[in-house]
Amino acid sequence: MAGNGSCENCANYVYDEEYEYYICEVDLDEDEMMRFLSGNVRACPWFRLDDEYRIVRKQI
């Protein structure tokens, strides 16, 4: 999905060790999944920047 950011930078895009590939953890309905797979989405409404240092900043 393009627009707000790429999947690779999204906190919802995680590695599944069982299947050994990345997946989107957002629970998409059938229509949303079709738009996602076809690349017909301008901006992902579920994009959340993966800020791995966010927790560390809260602890300081």
N, C-alpha and C. Protein backbone atom coordinates (compact mmCIF):
# COMPACT_ATOMS: atom_id res chain seq x y z
N MET A 1 0.84 -1.17 0.00
CA MET A 1 0.00 0.00 0.00
C MET A 1 0.88 1.23 0.00
N ALA A 2 0.51 2.18 -0.76
CA ALA A 2 1.30 3.39 -0.86
C ALA A 2 0.60 4.53 -0.16
N GLY A 3 1.18 5.70 -0.25
CA GLY A 3 0.52 6.88 0.30
C GLY A 3 1.13 7.28 1.62
N ASN A 4 0.53 6.88 2.72
CA ASN A 4 1.00 7.27 4.05
C ASN A 4 2.35 6.66 4.37
N GLY A 5 2.70 5.59 3.73
CA GLY A 5 3.97 4.92 3.99
C GLY A 5 3.95 3.55 3.38
N SER A 6 5.09 2.93 3.35
CA SER A 6 5.14 1.60 2.78
C SER A 6 4.96 0.55 3.87
N CYS A 7 4.54 -0.62 3.51
CA CYS A 7 4.32 -1.70 4.47
C CYS A 7 5.58 -1.98 5.28
N GLU A 8 6.74 -1.88 4.67
CA GLU A 8 7.98 -2.19 5.35
C GLU A 8 8.23 -1.29 6.55
N ASN A 9 7.63 -0.09 6.56
CA ASN A 9 7.82 0.87 7.65
C ASN A 9 6.64 0.88 8.62
N CYS A 10 5.71 -0.03 8.45
CA CYS A 10 4.48 -0.02 9.25
C CYS A 10 4.59 -0.97 10.45
N ALA A 11 4.07 -0.52 11.58
CA ALA A 11 4.09 -1.34 12.80
C ALA A 11 3.19 -2.57 12.67
N ASN A 12 2.24 -2.55 11.74
CA ASN A 12 1.33 -3.68 11.54
C ASN A 12 1.93 -4.77 10.65
N TYR A 13 3.07 -4.51 10.06
CA TYR A 13 3.72 -5.43 9.13
C TYR A 13 4.78 -6.21 9.92
N VAL A 14 4.48 -7.43 10.26
CA VAL A 14 5.36 -8.21 11.15
C VAL A 14 5.77 -9.53 10.50
N TYR A 15 6.91 -10.04 10.96
CA TYR A 15 7.44 -11.30 10.43
C TYR A 15 6.76 -12.46 11.14
N ASP A 16 6.22 -13.39 10.39
CA ASP A 16 5.59 -14.60 10.93
C ASP A 16 6.63 -15.72 10.86
N GLU A 17 7.14 -16.11 12.02
CA GLU A 17 8.21 -17.12 12.05
C GLU A 17 7.71 -18.49 11.61
N GLU A 18 6.45 -18.78 11.85
CA GLU A 18 5.91 -20.09 11.46
C GLU A 18 5.89 -20.25 9.94
N TYR A 19 5.46 -19.19 9.22
CA TYR A 19 5.36 -19.25 7.76
C TYR A 19 6.58 -18.65 7.07
N GLU A 20 7.45 -17.99 7.84
CA GLU A 20 8.69 -17.40 7.35
C GLU A 20 8.49 -16.33 6.28
N TYR A 21 7.52 -15.44 6.50
CA TYR A 21 7.35 -14.26 5.66
C TYR A 21 6.59 -13.20 6.43
N TYR A 22 6.60 -11.99 5.89
CA TYR A 22 5.95 -10.87 6.55
C TYR A 22 4.46 -10.86 6.23
N ILE A 23 3.67 -10.44 7.23
CA ILE A 23 2.22 -10.33 7.06
C ILE A 23 1.74 -9.01 7.65
N CYS A 24 0.59 -8.58 7.21
CA CYS A 24 -0.08 -7.41 7.79
C CYS A 24 -1.03 -7.93 8.86
N GLU A 25 -0.90 -7.42 10.08
CA GLU A 25 -1.72 -7.90 11.18
C GLU A 25 -3.12 -7.27 11.22
N VAL A 26 -3.39 -6.32 10.34
CA VAL A 26 -4.71 -5.69 10.31
C VAL A 26 -5.71 -6.70 9.78
N ASP A 27 -6.85 -6.80 10.46
CA ASP A 27 -7.89 -7.74 10.07
C ASP A 27 -8.75 -7.11 8.96
N LEU A 28 -8.37 -7.36 7.71
CA LEU A 28 -9.05 -6.77 6.56
C LEU A 28 -10.28 -7.59 6.18
N ASP A 29 -11.35 -6.90 5.78
CA ASP A 29 -12.50 -7.64 5.26
C ASP A 29 -12.22 -8.00 3.80
N GLU A 30 -13.14 -8.70 3.18
CA GLU A 30 -12.91 -9.21 1.82
C GLU A 30 -12.65 -8.11 0.81
N ASP A 31 -13.43 -7.02 0.86
CA ASP A 31 -13.24 -5.91 -0.09
C ASP A 31 -11.91 -5.21 0.14
N GLU A 32 -11.56 -4.98 1.40
CA GLU A 32 -10.29 -4.34 1.71
C GLU A 32 -9.12 -5.19 1.25
N MET A 33 -9.23 -6.49 1.42
CA MET A 33 -8.16 -7.40 0.99
C MET A 33 -8.00 -7.37 -0.52
N MET A 34 -9.10 -7.32 -1.26
CA MET A 34 -9.02 -7.24 -2.72
C MET A 34 -8.32 -5.95 -3.16
N ARG A 35 -8.66 -4.82 -2.53
CA ARG A 35 -8.00 -3.55 -2.86
C ARG A 35 -6.52 -3.62 -2.53
N PHE A 36 -6.19 -4.22 -1.38
CA PHE A 36 -4.80 -4.35 -0.96
C PHE A 36 -4.01 -5.19 -1.96
N LEU A 37 -4.54 -6.35 -2.33
CA LEU A 37 -3.84 -7.26 -3.24
C LEU A 37 -3.72 -6.69 -4.65
N SER A 38 -4.71 -5.90 -5.08
CA SER A 38 -4.68 -5.34 -6.42
C SER A 38 -3.82 -4.08 -6.50
N GLY A 39 -3.42 -3.55 -5.34
CA GLY A 39 -2.62 -2.32 -5.34
C GLY A 39 -3.46 -1.09 -5.61
N ASN A 40 -4.77 -1.20 -5.43
CA ASN A 40 -5.70 -0.12 -5.73
C ASN A 40 -5.95 0.79 -4.54
N VAL A 41 -4.95 0.99 -3.70
CA VAL A 41 -5.12 1.82 -2.51
C VAL A 41 -4.12 2.96 -2.58
N ARG A 42 -4.62 4.18 -2.48
CA ARG A 42 -3.73 5.35 -2.54
C ARG A 42 -3.01 5.57 -1.22
N ALA A 43 -3.72 5.40 -0.11
CA ALA A 43 -3.12 5.61 1.22
C ALA A 43 -3.71 4.60 2.18
N CYS A 44 -2.88 3.89 2.86
CA CYS A 44 -3.35 2.88 3.80
C CYS A 44 -3.90 3.56 5.05
N PRO A 45 -5.18 3.34 5.37
CA PRO A 45 -5.76 3.97 6.55
C PRO A 45 -5.26 3.37 7.86
N TRP A 46 -4.59 2.24 7.81
CA TRP A 46 -4.09 1.57 9.01
C TRP A 46 -2.60 1.75 9.23
N PHE A 47 -1.95 2.52 8.35
CA PHE A 47 -0.51 2.70 8.46
C PHE A 47 -0.17 3.36 9.79
N ARG A 48 0.78 2.77 10.48
CA ARG A 48 1.30 3.33 11.73
C ARG A 48 2.81 3.15 11.68
N LEU A 49 3.53 4.26 11.72
CA LEU A 49 4.98 4.21 11.61
C LEU A 49 5.55 3.31 12.70
N ASP A 50 6.41 2.40 12.31
CA ASP A 50 7.05 1.48 13.25
C ASP A 50 8.20 2.21 13.93
N ASP A 51 7.93 2.73 15.11
CA ASP A 51 8.92 3.50 15.87
C ASP A 51 9.46 2.62 16.98
N GLU A 52 10.50 1.87 16.69
CA GLU A 52 11.03 0.90 17.65
C GLU A 52 11.64 1.55 18.88
N TYR A 53 11.91 2.85 18.83
CA TYR A 53 12.49 3.53 19.98
C TYR A 53 11.44 4.24 20.85
N ARG A 54 10.18 4.16 20.49
CA ARG A 54 9.11 4.83 21.22
C ARG A 54 9.07 4.41 22.69
N ILE A 55 9.17 3.14 22.96
CA ILE A 55 9.12 2.62 24.33
C ILE A 55 10.34 3.12 25.13
N VAL A 56 11.49 3.14 24.51
CA VAL A 56 12.70 3.59 25.18
C VAL A 56 12.56 5.05 25.59
N ARG A 57 12.02 5.89 24.72
CA ARG A 57 11.85 7.31 25.03
C ARG A 57 10.92 7.50 26.23
N LYS A 58 9.90 6.65 26.36
CA LYS A 58 8.96 6.75 27.48
C LYS A 58 9.65 6.38 28.79
N GLN A 59 10.64 5.52 28.74
CA GLN A 59 11.33 5.08 29.95
C GLN A 59 12.34 6.10 30.46
N ILE A 60 12.76 7.00 29.60
CA ILE A 60 13.79 7.98 29.98
C ILE A 60 13.17 9.12 30.75
